[in-house]
N, C-alpha and C. Protein backbone atom coordinates (compact mmCIF):
# COMPACT_ATOMS: atom_id res chain seq x y z
N MET A 1 -9.02 11.70 -36.08
CA MET A 1 -7.98 10.75 -36.30
C MET A 1 -6.79 11.38 -37.02
N LYS A 2 -7.05 12.35 -37.93
CA LYS A 2 -5.96 13.02 -38.63
C LYS A 2 -5.12 13.83 -37.65
N ILE A 3 -5.78 14.42 -36.65
CA ILE A 3 -5.06 15.22 -35.67
C ILE A 3 -4.09 14.35 -34.88
N LYS A 4 -4.57 13.17 -34.44
CA LYS A 4 -3.71 12.26 -33.69
C LYS A 4 -2.51 11.83 -34.53
N PHE A 5 -2.78 11.49 -35.82
CA PHE A 5 -1.70 11.08 -36.70
C PHE A 5 -0.71 12.22 -36.91
N LEU A 6 -1.22 13.42 -37.15
CA LEU A 6 -0.37 14.58 -37.37
C LEU A 6 0.47 14.87 -36.14
N LEU A 7 -0.15 14.82 -34.94
CA LEU A 7 0.59 15.05 -33.71
C LEU A 7 1.69 14.01 -33.55
N SER A 8 1.38 12.75 -33.83
CA SER A 8 2.37 11.69 -33.73
C SER A 8 3.54 11.94 -34.68
N CYS A 9 3.22 12.32 -35.93
CA CYS A 9 4.28 12.58 -36.91
C CYS A 9 5.14 13.76 -36.49
N CYS A 10 4.51 14.84 -36.02
CA CYS A 10 5.26 16.02 -35.61
C CYS A 10 6.17 15.69 -34.43
N LEU A 11 5.65 14.99 -33.47
CA LEU A 11 6.47 14.63 -32.31
C LEU A 11 7.63 13.73 -32.71
N ALA A 12 7.39 12.82 -33.63
CA ALA A 12 8.44 11.91 -34.06
C ALA A 12 9.55 12.67 -34.78
N MET A 13 9.21 13.77 -35.49
CA MET A 13 10.22 14.51 -36.24
C MET A 13 11.01 15.48 -35.37
N LEU A 14 10.54 15.77 -34.16
CA LEU A 14 11.19 16.77 -33.35
C LEU A 14 12.50 16.32 -32.72
N GLY A 15 12.77 15.04 -32.76
CA GLY A 15 14.07 14.60 -32.28
C GLY A 15 14.00 13.63 -31.14
N PRO A 16 15.16 13.43 -30.47
CA PRO A 16 15.25 12.41 -29.44
C PRO A 16 14.33 12.69 -28.25
N VAL A 17 13.91 11.62 -27.63
CA VAL A 17 12.99 11.69 -26.49
C VAL A 17 13.72 11.23 -25.24
N ALA A 18 13.55 11.93 -24.14
CA ALA A 18 14.14 11.49 -22.88
C ALA A 18 13.38 10.27 -22.37
N TRP A 19 14.08 9.31 -21.80
CA TRP A 19 13.44 8.12 -21.24
C TRP A 19 12.72 8.48 -19.97
N ALA A 20 11.58 7.82 -19.74
CA ALA A 20 10.75 8.11 -18.58
C ALA A 20 11.51 7.90 -17.28
N SER A 21 12.45 6.95 -17.23
CA SER A 21 13.19 6.70 -16.00
C SER A 21 14.11 7.86 -15.64
N GLU A 22 14.35 8.76 -16.59
CA GLU A 22 15.20 9.91 -16.33
C GLU A 22 14.41 11.10 -15.80
N ILE A 23 13.08 11.00 -15.83
CA ILE A 23 12.21 12.11 -15.49
C ILE A 23 11.37 11.73 -14.28
N ALA A 24 11.33 12.56 -13.27
CA ALA A 24 10.48 12.30 -12.11
C ALA A 24 9.07 12.76 -12.43
N VAL A 25 8.17 11.81 -12.67
CA VAL A 25 6.78 12.13 -13.00
C VAL A 25 5.85 11.31 -12.12
N PRO A 26 4.64 11.80 -11.90
CA PRO A 26 3.66 11.00 -11.18
C PRO A 26 3.25 9.79 -12.02
N ALA A 27 2.66 8.80 -11.40
CA ALA A 27 2.28 7.57 -12.10
C ALA A 27 1.00 7.80 -12.90
N TRP A 28 1.15 8.22 -14.14
CA TRP A 28 0.02 8.46 -15.03
C TRP A 28 0.09 7.49 -16.19
N GLY A 29 -1.02 7.28 -16.84
CA GLY A 29 -1.05 6.38 -17.99
C GLY A 29 -2.11 6.79 -18.98
N ALA A 30 -2.08 6.17 -20.14
CA ALA A 30 -3.05 6.40 -21.21
C ALA A 30 -3.87 5.14 -21.40
N ASN A 31 -5.09 5.27 -21.93
CA ASN A 31 -5.95 4.11 -22.10
C ASN A 31 -5.73 3.37 -23.41
N LYS A 32 -4.90 3.90 -24.29
CA LYS A 32 -4.55 3.21 -25.54
C LYS A 32 -3.08 3.52 -25.84
N PRO A 33 -2.50 2.90 -26.87
CA PRO A 33 -1.07 3.06 -27.12
C PRO A 33 -0.61 4.50 -27.33
N VAL A 34 0.57 4.79 -26.78
CA VAL A 34 1.27 6.06 -26.99
C VAL A 34 2.39 5.75 -27.98
N HIS A 35 2.44 6.49 -29.07
CA HIS A 35 3.41 6.21 -30.12
C HIS A 35 4.60 7.18 -30.13
N ALA A 36 4.44 8.31 -29.49
CA ALA A 36 5.53 9.30 -29.50
C ALA A 36 5.49 10.12 -28.22
N ALA A 37 6.67 10.52 -27.78
CA ALA A 37 6.75 11.36 -26.58
C ALA A 37 7.92 12.34 -26.73
N LEU A 38 7.73 13.52 -26.18
CA LEU A 38 8.77 14.54 -26.23
C LEU A 38 8.78 15.27 -24.90
N PHE A 39 9.96 15.42 -24.32
CA PHE A 39 10.13 16.19 -23.09
C PHE A 39 10.76 17.51 -23.48
N LEU A 40 10.04 18.61 -23.25
CA LEU A 40 10.51 19.92 -23.67
C LEU A 40 10.04 20.97 -22.66
N ASN A 41 10.98 21.76 -22.15
CA ASN A 41 10.65 22.82 -21.19
C ASN A 41 9.83 22.33 -20.00
N ASN A 42 10.27 21.24 -19.42
CA ASN A 42 9.63 20.67 -18.23
C ASN A 42 8.21 20.15 -18.48
N THR A 43 7.88 19.84 -19.73
CA THR A 43 6.57 19.32 -20.10
C THR A 43 6.77 18.11 -20.99
N ILE A 44 5.93 17.10 -20.78
CA ILE A 44 5.95 15.92 -21.65
C ILE A 44 4.77 16.02 -22.61
N TYR A 45 5.08 15.94 -23.91
CA TYR A 45 4.07 15.93 -24.94
C TYR A 45 4.00 14.51 -25.48
N ILE A 46 2.78 13.98 -25.61
CA ILE A 46 2.62 12.62 -26.12
C ILE A 46 1.62 12.59 -27.25
N GLY A 47 1.76 11.63 -28.12
CA GLY A 47 0.82 11.43 -29.22
C GLY A 47 0.57 9.95 -29.40
N GLY A 48 -0.61 9.60 -29.86
CA GLY A 48 -0.93 8.19 -30.06
C GLY A 48 -2.41 7.97 -30.29
N GLU A 49 -2.87 6.78 -29.97
CA GLU A 49 -4.25 6.36 -30.22
C GLU A 49 -5.18 6.61 -29.04
N PHE A 50 -4.69 7.12 -27.95
CA PHE A 50 -5.46 7.29 -26.72
C PHE A 50 -6.46 8.43 -26.81
N ASP A 51 -7.48 8.35 -25.93
CA ASP A 51 -8.38 9.49 -25.78
C ASP A 51 -8.58 9.83 -24.31
N TYR A 52 -7.76 9.25 -23.45
CA TYR A 52 -7.79 9.58 -22.03
C TYR A 52 -6.39 9.40 -21.45
N VAL A 53 -5.98 10.33 -20.61
CA VAL A 53 -4.74 10.24 -19.85
C VAL A 53 -5.09 10.62 -18.41
N GLY A 54 -4.64 9.80 -17.46
CA GLY A 54 -4.96 10.09 -16.07
C GLY A 54 -4.10 9.27 -15.13
N PRO A 55 -4.34 9.40 -13.84
CA PRO A 55 -3.53 8.67 -12.87
C PRO A 55 -3.68 7.16 -13.05
N TYR A 56 -2.57 6.46 -12.95
CA TYR A 56 -2.58 5.00 -13.03
C TYR A 56 -3.08 4.45 -11.71
N THR A 57 -4.09 3.62 -11.76
CA THR A 57 -4.66 3.07 -10.53
C THR A 57 -4.43 1.57 -10.41
N GLY A 58 -3.90 0.95 -11.44
CA GLY A 58 -3.80 -0.50 -11.41
C GLY A 58 -5.16 -1.10 -11.75
N SER A 59 -5.27 -2.42 -11.62
CA SER A 59 -6.50 -3.07 -12.04
C SER A 59 -7.48 -3.29 -10.90
N GLY A 60 -7.16 -2.82 -9.73
CA GLY A 60 -8.08 -2.96 -8.61
C GLY A 60 -7.71 -1.99 -7.52
N GLY A 61 -8.62 -1.74 -6.64
CA GLY A 61 -8.31 -0.83 -5.55
C GLY A 61 -9.54 -0.50 -4.74
N LEU A 62 -9.33 0.15 -3.64
CA LEU A 62 -10.43 0.56 -2.77
C LEU A 62 -10.99 1.90 -3.23
N LEU A 63 -12.30 2.02 -3.13
CA LEU A 63 -12.95 3.28 -3.47
C LEU A 63 -13.56 3.87 -2.22
N ASP A 64 -13.54 5.19 -2.13
CA ASP A 64 -14.20 5.89 -1.04
C ASP A 64 -15.71 5.77 -1.27
N ALA A 65 -16.43 5.27 -0.25
CA ALA A 65 -17.86 5.03 -0.40
C ALA A 65 -18.64 6.31 -0.66
N ALA A 66 -18.21 7.43 -0.13
CA ALA A 66 -18.94 8.69 -0.30
C ALA A 66 -18.68 9.34 -1.65
N SER A 67 -17.41 9.42 -2.06
CA SER A 67 -17.08 10.16 -3.28
C SER A 67 -16.89 9.28 -4.51
N GLY A 68 -16.60 8.01 -4.30
CA GLY A 68 -16.31 7.13 -5.44
C GLY A 68 -14.88 7.24 -5.91
N ALA A 69 -14.10 8.12 -5.30
CA ALA A 69 -12.69 8.30 -5.68
C ALA A 69 -11.85 7.16 -5.12
N ARG A 70 -10.74 6.92 -5.76
CA ARG A 70 -9.81 5.89 -5.27
C ARG A 70 -9.27 6.31 -3.91
N ALA A 71 -9.32 5.39 -2.95
CA ALA A 71 -8.83 5.68 -1.60
C ALA A 71 -7.32 5.89 -1.64
N ALA A 72 -6.84 6.82 -0.87
CA ALA A 72 -5.42 7.19 -0.88
C ALA A 72 -4.52 6.00 -0.53
N ASN A 73 -4.97 5.10 0.31
CA ASN A 73 -4.11 3.98 0.72
C ASN A 73 -4.34 2.74 -0.12
N SER A 74 -5.08 2.84 -1.21
CA SER A 74 -5.37 1.69 -2.06
C SER A 74 -4.09 1.13 -2.67
N ALA A 75 -3.95 -0.18 -2.61
CA ALA A 75 -2.73 -0.83 -3.11
C ALA A 75 -2.67 -0.79 -4.63
N LEU A 76 -1.52 -0.45 -5.18
CA LEU A 76 -1.32 -0.49 -6.62
C LEU A 76 -0.81 -1.86 -7.03
N VAL A 77 -1.45 -2.43 -8.03
CA VAL A 77 -1.07 -3.72 -8.60
C VAL A 77 -0.69 -3.45 -10.04
N ASP A 78 0.45 -3.98 -10.49
CA ASP A 78 0.95 -3.62 -11.82
C ASP A 78 0.43 -4.49 -12.95
N GLY A 79 -0.63 -5.20 -12.75
CA GLY A 79 -1.20 -6.04 -13.81
C GLY A 79 -2.69 -6.17 -13.60
N TRP A 80 -3.20 -7.35 -13.83
CA TRP A 80 -4.63 -7.61 -13.75
C TRP A 80 -4.97 -8.38 -12.49
N ILE A 81 -6.03 -7.99 -11.81
CA ILE A 81 -6.59 -8.76 -10.70
C ILE A 81 -7.81 -9.49 -11.25
N HIS A 82 -7.79 -10.82 -11.13
CA HIS A 82 -8.90 -11.64 -11.61
C HIS A 82 -9.77 -12.16 -10.46
N ALA A 83 -9.22 -12.20 -9.25
CA ALA A 83 -9.96 -12.79 -8.13
C ALA A 83 -9.55 -12.11 -6.83
N ALA A 84 -10.49 -12.09 -5.88
CA ALA A 84 -10.20 -11.57 -4.55
C ALA A 84 -11.01 -12.37 -3.54
N ALA A 85 -10.45 -12.55 -2.36
CA ALA A 85 -11.15 -13.24 -1.27
C ALA A 85 -10.83 -12.52 0.03
N ALA A 86 -11.86 -12.26 0.82
CA ALA A 86 -11.68 -11.61 2.11
C ALA A 86 -10.91 -12.53 3.05
N ASP A 87 -10.03 -11.93 3.86
CA ASP A 87 -9.24 -12.75 4.80
C ASP A 87 -9.92 -12.90 6.16
N GLY A 88 -11.05 -12.24 6.35
CA GLY A 88 -11.77 -12.33 7.62
C GLY A 88 -11.32 -11.33 8.66
N SER A 89 -10.29 -10.55 8.35
CA SER A 89 -9.76 -9.55 9.28
C SER A 89 -9.71 -8.16 8.66
N GLY A 90 -10.48 -7.95 7.59
CA GLY A 90 -10.50 -6.65 6.93
C GLY A 90 -9.53 -6.55 5.76
N GLY A 91 -8.74 -7.56 5.51
CA GLY A 91 -7.80 -7.57 4.39
C GLY A 91 -8.30 -8.45 3.27
N TRP A 92 -7.48 -8.59 2.24
CA TRP A 92 -7.87 -9.33 1.04
C TRP A 92 -6.71 -10.13 0.50
N TYR A 93 -7.03 -11.30 -0.05
CA TYR A 93 -6.11 -12.03 -0.92
C TYR A 93 -6.50 -11.63 -2.33
N VAL A 94 -5.53 -11.30 -3.16
CA VAL A 94 -5.80 -10.95 -4.55
C VAL A 94 -4.97 -11.86 -5.46
N GLY A 95 -5.60 -12.30 -6.52
CA GLY A 95 -4.93 -13.15 -7.50
C GLY A 95 -5.18 -12.63 -8.89
N GLY A 96 -4.28 -12.92 -9.78
CA GLY A 96 -4.44 -12.46 -11.16
C GLY A 96 -3.20 -12.72 -11.96
N ASN A 97 -2.82 -11.71 -12.73
CA ASN A 97 -1.63 -11.78 -13.57
C ASN A 97 -0.85 -10.49 -13.33
N PHE A 98 0.04 -10.51 -12.35
CA PHE A 98 0.82 -9.33 -11.98
C PHE A 98 2.16 -9.75 -11.42
N SER A 99 3.09 -8.79 -11.33
CA SER A 99 4.42 -9.09 -10.81
C SER A 99 4.81 -8.23 -9.61
N HIS A 100 4.07 -7.16 -9.35
CA HIS A 100 4.36 -6.29 -8.21
C HIS A 100 3.08 -5.76 -7.57
N VAL A 101 3.11 -5.67 -6.25
CA VAL A 101 2.03 -5.05 -5.49
C VAL A 101 2.71 -4.05 -4.55
N ARG A 102 2.24 -2.81 -4.59
CA ARG A 102 2.85 -1.74 -3.80
C ARG A 102 4.37 -1.64 -4.04
N GLY A 103 4.79 -1.91 -5.26
CA GLY A 103 6.19 -1.80 -5.63
C GLY A 103 7.06 -2.97 -5.19
N GLN A 104 6.47 -3.98 -4.58
CA GLN A 104 7.23 -5.14 -4.13
C GLN A 104 6.87 -6.36 -4.98
N ALA A 105 7.85 -7.18 -5.27
CA ALA A 105 7.65 -8.35 -6.12
C ALA A 105 6.67 -9.33 -5.50
N ARG A 106 5.63 -9.64 -6.23
CA ARG A 106 4.66 -10.68 -5.90
C ARG A 106 4.13 -11.19 -7.23
N LEU A 107 4.27 -12.49 -7.46
CA LEU A 107 3.86 -13.06 -8.73
C LEU A 107 2.47 -13.67 -8.64
N ASN A 108 1.47 -12.92 -9.07
CA ASN A 108 0.11 -13.37 -9.31
C ASN A 108 -0.75 -13.65 -8.08
N LEU A 109 -0.19 -13.62 -6.88
CA LEU A 109 -0.97 -13.87 -5.67
C LEU A 109 -0.36 -13.08 -4.52
N ALA A 110 -1.21 -12.35 -3.78
CA ALA A 110 -0.70 -11.51 -2.69
C ALA A 110 -1.76 -11.39 -1.60
N HIS A 111 -1.31 -11.00 -0.41
CA HIS A 111 -2.22 -10.74 0.70
C HIS A 111 -2.06 -9.29 1.14
N LEU A 112 -3.18 -8.56 1.10
CA LEU A 112 -3.20 -7.18 1.56
C LEU A 112 -3.85 -7.15 2.93
N LEU A 113 -3.19 -6.55 3.89
CA LEU A 113 -3.72 -6.45 5.24
C LEU A 113 -4.83 -5.40 5.30
N SER A 114 -5.49 -5.26 6.43
CA SER A 114 -6.63 -4.35 6.54
C SER A 114 -6.24 -2.89 6.28
N ASP A 115 -4.98 -2.52 6.51
CA ASP A 115 -4.54 -1.15 6.23
C ASP A 115 -4.03 -1.00 4.79
N GLN A 116 -4.25 -2.03 3.97
CA GLN A 116 -3.84 -2.10 2.56
C GLN A 116 -2.34 -2.24 2.36
N SER A 117 -1.59 -2.51 3.44
CA SER A 117 -0.17 -2.80 3.28
C SER A 117 -0.02 -4.24 2.82
N LEU A 118 1.09 -4.52 2.17
CA LEU A 118 1.38 -5.87 1.70
C LEU A 118 1.86 -6.71 2.87
N ASP A 119 1.27 -7.87 3.06
CA ASP A 119 1.64 -8.77 4.16
C ASP A 119 3.03 -9.32 3.90
N PRO A 120 4.04 -8.96 4.71
CA PRO A 120 5.40 -9.43 4.46
C PRO A 120 5.60 -10.91 4.77
N SER A 121 4.70 -11.52 5.55
CA SER A 121 4.88 -12.93 5.90
C SER A 121 4.18 -13.87 4.93
N PHE A 122 3.40 -13.33 4.00
CA PHE A 122 2.69 -14.16 3.03
C PHE A 122 3.41 -14.13 1.70
N ARG A 123 3.79 -15.29 1.19
CA ARG A 123 4.46 -15.37 -0.12
C ARG A 123 3.99 -16.63 -0.82
N ALA A 124 3.28 -16.48 -1.90
CA ALA A 124 2.77 -17.62 -2.68
C ALA A 124 2.84 -17.27 -4.16
N ASP A 125 4.03 -17.18 -4.70
CA ASP A 125 4.22 -16.82 -6.10
C ASP A 125 3.82 -17.99 -7.00
N THR A 126 3.05 -17.68 -8.05
CA THR A 126 2.68 -18.70 -9.02
C THR A 126 3.36 -18.40 -10.35
N ASP A 127 3.47 -19.43 -11.18
CA ASP A 127 4.16 -19.25 -12.46
C ASP A 127 3.21 -18.85 -13.59
N ASN A 128 1.93 -18.63 -13.26
CA ASN A 128 0.98 -18.16 -14.26
C ASN A 128 -0.24 -17.59 -13.52
N SER A 129 -1.25 -17.20 -14.25
CA SER A 129 -2.39 -16.47 -13.70
C SER A 129 -3.19 -17.24 -12.66
N VAL A 130 -3.74 -16.49 -11.69
CA VAL A 130 -4.69 -17.00 -10.71
C VAL A 130 -6.06 -16.43 -11.08
N PHE A 131 -7.06 -17.31 -11.21
CA PHE A 131 -8.40 -16.88 -11.61
C PHE A 131 -9.46 -17.05 -10.53
N ALA A 132 -9.17 -17.82 -9.48
CA ALA A 132 -10.17 -18.07 -8.44
C ALA A 132 -9.48 -18.16 -7.08
N LEU A 133 -10.13 -17.59 -6.05
CA LEU A 133 -9.62 -17.64 -4.68
C LEU A 133 -10.79 -17.85 -3.73
N THR A 134 -10.57 -18.63 -2.70
CA THR A 134 -11.54 -18.75 -1.62
C THR A 134 -10.81 -19.18 -0.36
N VAL A 135 -11.36 -18.82 0.78
CA VAL A 135 -10.82 -19.25 2.06
C VAL A 135 -11.91 -20.08 2.74
N SER A 136 -11.55 -21.28 3.18
CA SER A 136 -12.51 -22.15 3.84
C SER A 136 -11.78 -23.04 4.84
N ALA A 137 -12.33 -23.15 6.04
CA ALA A 137 -11.80 -24.02 7.09
C ALA A 137 -10.30 -23.80 7.32
N GLY A 138 -9.88 -22.54 7.31
CA GLY A 138 -8.49 -22.21 7.58
C GLY A 138 -7.51 -22.53 6.47
N VAL A 139 -8.02 -22.71 5.25
CA VAL A 139 -7.17 -23.01 4.10
C VAL A 139 -7.50 -22.01 2.99
N LEU A 140 -6.47 -21.46 2.35
CA LEU A 140 -6.64 -20.60 1.18
C LEU A 140 -6.51 -21.48 -0.06
N TYR A 141 -7.53 -21.46 -0.92
CA TYR A 141 -7.52 -22.22 -2.17
C TYR A 141 -7.35 -21.24 -3.32
N ALA A 142 -6.50 -21.62 -4.27
CA ALA A 142 -6.30 -20.82 -5.48
C ALA A 142 -6.43 -21.72 -6.69
N GLY A 143 -7.14 -21.24 -7.70
CA GLY A 143 -7.26 -21.96 -8.96
C GLY A 143 -6.84 -21.07 -10.10
N GLY A 144 -6.27 -21.66 -11.14
CA GLY A 144 -5.86 -20.85 -12.27
C GLY A 144 -5.08 -21.62 -13.30
N ALA A 145 -4.33 -20.90 -14.10
CA ALA A 145 -3.55 -21.48 -15.19
C ALA A 145 -2.13 -21.83 -14.77
N PHE A 146 -1.83 -21.76 -13.49
CA PHE A 146 -0.48 -21.98 -13.00
C PHE A 146 -0.13 -23.47 -12.92
N GLY A 147 1.17 -23.74 -12.92
CA GLY A 147 1.67 -25.10 -12.76
C GLY A 147 2.40 -25.29 -11.45
N SER A 148 2.78 -24.16 -10.82
CA SER A 148 3.51 -24.28 -9.56
C SER A 148 3.21 -23.08 -8.66
N VAL A 149 3.40 -23.31 -7.36
CA VAL A 149 3.29 -22.27 -6.34
C VAL A 149 4.58 -22.33 -5.54
N ASN A 150 5.28 -21.23 -5.46
CA ASN A 150 6.58 -21.17 -4.77
C ASN A 150 7.53 -22.26 -5.26
N GLY A 151 7.48 -22.52 -6.56
CA GLY A 151 8.40 -23.49 -7.17
C GLY A 151 8.01 -24.93 -6.99
N GLN A 152 6.94 -25.23 -6.29
CA GLN A 152 6.47 -26.61 -6.11
C GLN A 152 5.33 -26.89 -7.06
N GLY A 153 5.34 -28.06 -7.70
CA GLY A 153 4.30 -28.43 -8.64
C GLY A 153 2.92 -28.42 -8.00
N ARG A 154 2.05 -27.57 -8.50
CA ARG A 154 0.66 -27.46 -8.04
C ARG A 154 -0.18 -27.09 -9.25
N PRO A 155 -0.33 -28.02 -10.21
CA PRO A 155 -1.02 -27.65 -11.45
C PRO A 155 -2.49 -27.30 -11.25
N PHE A 156 -2.84 -26.08 -11.60
CA PHE A 156 -4.20 -25.56 -11.72
C PHE A 156 -4.93 -25.31 -10.40
N LEU A 157 -4.56 -25.97 -9.32
CA LEU A 157 -5.28 -25.82 -8.07
C LEU A 157 -4.30 -26.02 -6.92
N ALA A 158 -4.34 -25.11 -5.95
CA ALA A 158 -3.44 -25.22 -4.80
C ALA A 158 -4.18 -24.83 -3.54
N ALA A 159 -3.80 -25.46 -2.47
CA ALA A 159 -4.32 -25.12 -1.15
C ALA A 159 -3.11 -24.74 -0.30
N MET A 160 -3.26 -23.70 0.52
CA MET A 160 -2.09 -23.24 1.26
C MET A 160 -2.49 -22.62 2.58
N ASP A 161 -1.51 -22.43 3.42
CA ASP A 161 -1.68 -21.77 4.71
C ASP A 161 -1.96 -20.30 4.44
N PRO A 162 -3.11 -19.77 4.87
CA PRO A 162 -3.42 -18.37 4.58
C PRO A 162 -2.53 -17.37 5.30
N ALA A 163 -1.80 -17.80 6.32
CA ALA A 163 -0.91 -16.88 7.03
C ALA A 163 0.43 -16.73 6.34
N SER A 164 0.90 -17.78 5.67
CA SER A 164 2.25 -17.73 5.11
C SER A 164 2.30 -17.94 3.60
N GLY A 165 1.28 -18.59 3.04
CA GLY A 165 1.33 -18.95 1.62
C GLY A 165 2.06 -20.25 1.38
N ARG A 166 2.63 -20.82 2.43
CA ARG A 166 3.34 -22.09 2.27
C ARG A 166 2.33 -23.20 2.04
N ASN A 167 2.81 -24.28 1.50
CA ASN A 167 1.90 -25.33 1.09
C ASN A 167 2.24 -26.67 1.74
N PRO A 168 2.15 -26.79 3.06
CA PRO A 168 2.38 -28.09 3.69
C PRO A 168 1.12 -28.95 3.66
N TRP A 169 0.07 -28.42 3.07
CA TRP A 169 -1.25 -29.01 3.14
C TRP A 169 -1.34 -30.40 2.52
N TYR A 170 -0.78 -30.61 1.33
CA TYR A 170 -0.89 -31.90 0.66
C TYR A 170 -0.25 -33.01 1.48
N ALA A 171 0.99 -32.81 1.91
CA ALA A 171 1.70 -33.85 2.64
C ALA A 171 1.00 -34.17 3.96
N ALA A 172 0.47 -33.14 4.63
CA ALA A 172 -0.18 -33.35 5.92
C ALA A 172 -1.43 -34.22 5.78
N ARG A 173 -2.04 -34.24 4.61
CA ARG A 173 -3.25 -35.03 4.41
C ARG A 173 -3.01 -36.25 3.55
N GLY A 174 -1.75 -36.53 3.21
CA GLY A 174 -1.40 -37.72 2.45
C GLY A 174 -1.91 -37.73 1.02
N LEU A 175 -2.09 -36.55 0.42
CA LEU A 175 -2.58 -36.47 -0.95
C LEU A 175 -1.45 -36.28 -1.94
N SER A 176 -1.64 -36.81 -3.13
CA SER A 176 -0.70 -36.59 -4.22
C SER A 176 -0.77 -35.14 -4.66
N GLN A 177 0.36 -34.57 -5.04
CA GLN A 177 0.37 -33.18 -5.49
C GLN A 177 -0.31 -33.02 -6.84
N THR A 178 -0.49 -34.10 -7.59
CA THR A 178 -1.07 -34.00 -8.92
C THR A 178 -2.39 -34.74 -9.05
N SER A 179 -2.99 -35.18 -7.96
CA SER A 179 -4.23 -35.93 -8.00
C SER A 179 -5.43 -34.99 -8.12
N ASN A 180 -5.93 -34.81 -9.34
CA ASN A 180 -7.06 -33.92 -9.56
C ASN A 180 -8.32 -34.41 -8.85
N SER A 181 -8.55 -35.72 -8.86
CA SER A 181 -9.77 -36.22 -8.21
C SER A 181 -9.71 -35.99 -6.70
N ALA A 182 -8.54 -36.13 -6.10
CA ALA A 182 -8.41 -35.88 -4.66
C ALA A 182 -8.65 -34.41 -4.35
N ARG A 183 -8.19 -33.53 -5.22
CA ARG A 183 -8.40 -32.10 -5.01
C ARG A 183 -9.87 -31.73 -5.13
N ARG A 184 -10.56 -32.32 -6.11
CA ARG A 184 -11.98 -32.04 -6.27
C ARG A 184 -12.78 -32.53 -5.05
N ARG A 185 -12.44 -33.73 -4.56
CA ARG A 185 -13.14 -34.25 -3.39
C ARG A 185 -12.88 -33.35 -2.17
N THR A 186 -11.64 -32.89 -2.02
CA THR A 186 -11.29 -32.04 -0.87
C THR A 186 -12.01 -30.71 -0.94
N LEU A 187 -12.05 -30.09 -2.13
CA LEU A 187 -12.76 -28.82 -2.28
C LEU A 187 -14.25 -28.99 -2.03
N ALA A 188 -14.84 -30.09 -2.49
CA ALA A 188 -16.26 -30.33 -2.29
C ALA A 188 -16.57 -30.48 -0.81
N SER A 189 -15.69 -31.16 -0.07
CA SER A 189 -15.94 -31.35 1.37
C SER A 189 -15.70 -30.09 2.17
N ALA A 190 -14.93 -29.13 1.64
CA ALA A 190 -14.64 -27.89 2.35
C ALA A 190 -15.79 -26.90 2.29
N ARG A 191 -16.75 -27.13 1.40
CA ARG A 191 -17.88 -26.18 1.26
C ARG A 191 -18.82 -26.22 2.41
């Protein structure tokens, strides 16, 4: 612990640090806080509380079955994945607490196609975390701490078109957007 503190103090005294956006570096990260950084002679020196530094993989991804290594085409998610549901075609719906998937803006819910590319036709941004996902009878259900999906009030539970993420579902079935009992009955009948 003294070494980490000493390294942090030394790095802090060495002077100004170049911002990471000014330096072309691979996507690496540390497992605990970094308190100091110095770019010197084409090398970045860091100090802090960490005991591991390695490639950033995001909170989920595909693994190679033989080696256990992260698959090269695995999608990077910039936050936490709390739930996943198979789309039936080799792809996945992922939900959690994130703002980007594969470098493109997606708020907490996204659809990854079978080749791990982000589905450009699916958009279902939520205003808070998604904790549960399932697909049943041609409907994608999401549950979580959110209050809206794509700006429409959908507190805690939403059902949507799995191809687009749009939510014409409530109006088509004559249900109130805020009727919890109607949502519970609908989910129970979908099982």
